[in-house]
Amino acid sequence: MHKTRLEFLRETLAAKPDDTFARYALALELSNSERAEDAWAHFEYLLSRQPEYSATYYQAGTFLARQGRRDEARKILARGIEVTGQQGNLHAQSELQKALDELGN
């Protein structure tokens, strides 16, 4: 019997709780389901414990925007712009800026 992606990712995190990519993938998988609270918990974990993982900012920001949490989304996207700027990651920084601009004021 094949495992679902959710099962695989949860097992991976059980074995390696600090696996950044597995946690990120799980947050994405959950964000596309009815488990928004669970998805946000994983995004929060990454933002607080692995703040240098720049991909999280875009996905967490757009997730919050879809949830109607626009002010929080703006803060996350703005922080991501700072982080990617410090990293010299201009492509990610421009994607974050575009997402922030689309949210407006």
C-alpha atoms as a PDB file:
ATOM      1  CA  MET A   1       0.000   0.000   0.000  1.00  0.00           C
ATOM      2  CA  HIS A   2       1.311   3.431  -0.944  1.00  0.00           C
ATOM      3  CA  LYS A   3       1.530   6.181   1.594  1.00  0.00           C
ATOM      4  CA  THR A   4      -0.071   9.519   0.930  1.00  0.00           C
ATOM      5  CA  ARG A   5       2.159  12.586   0.753  1.00  0.00           C
ATOM      6  CA  LEU A   6       0.692  13.718   4.060  1.00  0.00           C
ATOM      7  CA  GLU A   7       1.568  10.418   5.744  1.00  0.00           C
ATOM      8  CA  PHE A   8       5.067  10.430   4.276  1.00  0.00           C
ATOM      9  CA  LEU A   9       5.746  14.015   5.372  1.00  0.00           C
ATOM     10  CA  ARG A  10       4.398  13.435   8.872  1.00  0.00           C
ATOM     11  CA  GLU A  11       6.562  10.332   9.271  1.00  0.00           C
ATOM     12  CA  THR A  12       9.587  12.241   8.013  1.00  0.00           C
ATOM     13  CA  LEU A  13       9.004  14.992  10.583  1.00  0.00           C
ATOM     14  CA  ALA A  14       8.462  12.470  13.349  1.00  0.00           C
ATOM     15  CA  ALA A  15      11.911  11.065  12.587  1.00  0.00           C
ATOM     16  CA  LYS A  16      13.562  14.445  11.887  1.00  0.00           C
ATOM     17  CA  PRO A  17      11.609  17.343  13.459  1.00  0.00           C
ATOM     18  CA  ASP A  18      14.079  19.935  12.145  1.00  0.00           C
ATOM     19  CA  ASP A  19      13.826  18.840   8.500  1.00  0.00           C
ATOM     20  CA  THR A  20      13.092  22.238   6.994  1.00  0.00           C
ATOM     21  CA  PHE A  21      11.998  21.059   3.582  1.00  0.00           C
ATOM     22  CA  ALA A  22       9.706  18.333   4.939  1.00  0.00           C
ATOM     23  CA  ARG A  23       8.037  20.826   7.276  1.00  0.00           C
ATOM     24  CA  TYR A  24       7.686  23.345   4.442  1.00  0.00           C
ATOM     25  CA  ALA A  25       6.199  20.684   2.152  1.00  0.00           C
ATOM     26  CA  LEU A  26       3.794  19.612   4.896  1.00  0.00           C
ATOM     27  CA  ALA A  27       2.675  23.216   5.453  1.00  0.00           C
ATOM     28  CA  LEU A  28       2.010  23.552   1.722  1.00  0.00           C
ATOM     29  CA  GLU A  29       0.142  20.261   1.580  1.00  0.00           C
ATOM     30  CA  LEU A  30      -2.021  21.248   4.535  1.00  0.00           C
ATOM     31  CA  SER A  31      -2.615  24.750   3.179  1.00  0.00           C
ATOM     32  CA  ASN A  32      -4.320  23.198   0.162  1.00  0.00           C
ATOM     33  CA  SER A  33      -6.658  21.219   2.381  1.00  0.00           C
ATOM     34  CA  GLU A  34      -9.243  21.920   5.024  1.00  0.00           C
ATOM     35  CA  ARG A  35      -6.512  21.942   7.697  1.00  0.00           C
ATOM     36  CA  ALA A  36      -5.618  25.643   7.734  1.00  0.00           C
ATOM     37  CA  GLU A  37      -4.780  25.728  11.446  1.00  0.00           C
ATOM     38  CA  ASP A  38      -2.337  22.859  11.035  1.00  0.00           C
ATOM     39  CA  ALA A  39      -0.720  24.505   8.009  1.00  0.00           C
ATOM     40  CA  TRP A  40      -0.259  27.764   9.880  1.00  0.00           C
ATOM     41  CA  ALA A  41       1.382  25.982  12.817  1.00  0.00           C
ATOM     42  CA  HIS A  42       4.070  24.631  10.478  1.00  0.00           C
ATOM     43  CA  PHE A  43       4.560  27.998   8.768  1.00  0.00           C
ATOM     44  CA  GLU A  44       4.951  29.630  12.192  1.00  0.00           C
ATOM     45  CA  TYR A  45       7.490  26.996  13.219  1.00  0.00           C
ATOM     46  CA  LEU A  46       9.577  27.718  10.136  1.00  0.00           C
ATOM     47  CA  LEU A  47       9.318  31.487  10.498  1.00  0.00           C
ATOM     48  CA  SER A  48      10.463  31.375  14.102  1.00  0.00           C
ATOM     49  CA  ARG A  49      13.006  28.552  14.010  1.00  0.00           C
ATOM     50  CA  GLN A  50      14.354  28.739  10.457  1.00  0.00           C
ATOM     51  CA  PRO A  51      13.914  32.396   9.505  1.00  0.00           C
ATOM     52  CA  GLU A  52      16.595  32.157   6.819  1.00  0.00           C
ATOM     53  CA  TYR A  53      14.449  29.752   4.760  1.00  0.00           C
ATOM     54  CA  SER A  54      13.162  32.407   2.397  1.00  0.00           C
ATOM     55  CA  ALA A  55      10.554  30.324   0.548  1.00  0.00           C
ATOM     56  CA  THR A  56       8.455  30.263   3.701  1.00  0.00           C
ATOM     57  CA  TYR A  57       7.758  33.994   3.588  1.00  0.00           C
ATOM     58  CA  TYR A  58       6.044  33.942   0.215  1.00  0.00           C
ATOM     59  CA  GLN A  59       3.956  30.865   0.943  1.00  0.00           C
ATOM     60  CA  ALA A  60       3.047  31.954   4.490  1.00  0.00           C
ATOM     61  CA  GLY A  61       2.165  35.445   3.284  1.00  0.00           C
ATOM     62  CA  THR A  62      -0.045  34.263   0.457  1.00  0.00           C
ATOM     63  CA  PHE A  63      -1.611  31.674   2.761  1.00  0.00           C
ATOM     64  CA  LEU A  64      -2.535  34.395   5.265  1.00  0.00           C
ATOM     65  CA  ALA A  65      -3.926  36.573   2.479  1.00  0.00           C
ATOM     66  CA  ARG A  66      -6.175  33.706   1.322  1.00  0.00           C
ATOM     67  CA  GLN A  67      -7.354  33.361   4.926  1.00  0.00           C
ATOM     68  CA  GLY A  68      -8.336  37.041   4.979  1.00  0.00           C
ATOM     69  CA  ARG A  69      -5.520  37.900   7.372  1.00  0.00           C
ATOM     70  CA  ARG A  70      -4.145  40.685   5.174  1.00  0.00           C
ATOM     71  CA  ASP A  71      -2.335  42.720   7.850  1.00  0.00           C
ATOM     72  CA  GLU A  72      -0.444  39.655   9.031  1.00  0.00           C
ATOM     73  CA  ALA A  73       0.283  38.734   5.419  1.00  0.00           C
ATOM     74  CA  ARG A  74       1.800  42.157   4.776  1.00  0.00           C
ATOM     75  CA  LYS A  75       4.074  41.816   7.813  1.00  0.00           C
ATOM     76  CA  ILE A  76       5.290  38.369   6.770  1.00  0.00           C
ATOM     77  CA  LEU A  77       5.914  39.462   3.180  1.00  0.00           C
ATOM     78  CA  ALA A  78       7.751  42.601   4.338  1.00  0.00           C
ATOM     79  CA  ARG A  79       9.950  40.529   6.637  1.00  0.00           C
ATOM     80  CA  GLY A  80      10.657  38.170   3.745  1.00  0.00           C
ATOM     81  CA  ILE A  81      11.744  41.125   1.626  1.00  0.00           C
ATOM     82  CA  GLU A  82      14.233  42.058   4.365  1.00  0.00           C
ATOM     83  CA  VAL A  83      15.551  38.497   4.684  1.00  0.00           C
ATOM     84  CA  THR A  84      15.948  37.946   0.954  1.00  0.00           C
ATOM     85  CA  GLY A  85      17.611  41.342   0.640  1.00  0.00           C
ATOM     86  CA  GLN A  86      20.159  40.340   3.270  1.00  0.00           C
ATOM     87  CA  GLN A  87      20.737  37.099   1.380  1.00  0.00           C
ATOM     88  CA  GLY A  88      21.129  38.874  -1.952  1.00  0.00           C
ATOM     89  CA  ASN A  89      18.287  36.765  -3.349  1.00  0.00           C
ATOM     90  CA  LEU A  90      16.891  39.341  -5.764  1.00  0.00           C
ATOM     91  CA  HIS A  91      14.506  36.962  -7.524  1.00  0.00           C
ATOM     92  CA  ALA A  92      12.777  35.902  -4.302  1.00  0.00           C
ATOM     93  CA  GLN A  93      12.791  39.492  -3.103  1.00  0.00           C
ATOM     94  CA  SER A  94      11.011  40.671  -6.258  1.00  0.00           C
ATOM     95  CA  GLU A  95       8.398  37.897  -5.930  1.00  0.00           C
ATOM     96  CA  LEU A  96       7.732  38.922  -2.344  1.00  0.00           C
ATOM     97  CA  GLN A  97       7.483  42.579  -3.344  1.00  0.00           C
ATOM     98  CA  LYS A  98       5.012  41.711  -6.096  1.00  0.00           C
ATOM     99  CA  ALA A  99       2.853  39.746  -3.628  1.00  0.00           C
ATOM    100  CA  LEU A 100       2.998  42.636  -1.166  1.00  0.00           C
ATOM    101  CA  ASP A 101       2.060  45.153  -3.869  1.00  0.00           C
ATOM    102  CA  GLU A 102      -0.893  42.989  -4.893  1.00  0.00           C
ATOM    103  CA  LEU A 103      -2.216  43.116  -1.324  1.00  0.00           C
ATOM    104  CA  GLY A 104      -2.246  46.903  -1.448  1.00  0.00           C
ATOM    105  CA  ASN A 105      -2.823  49.004   1.655  1.00  0.00           C
END
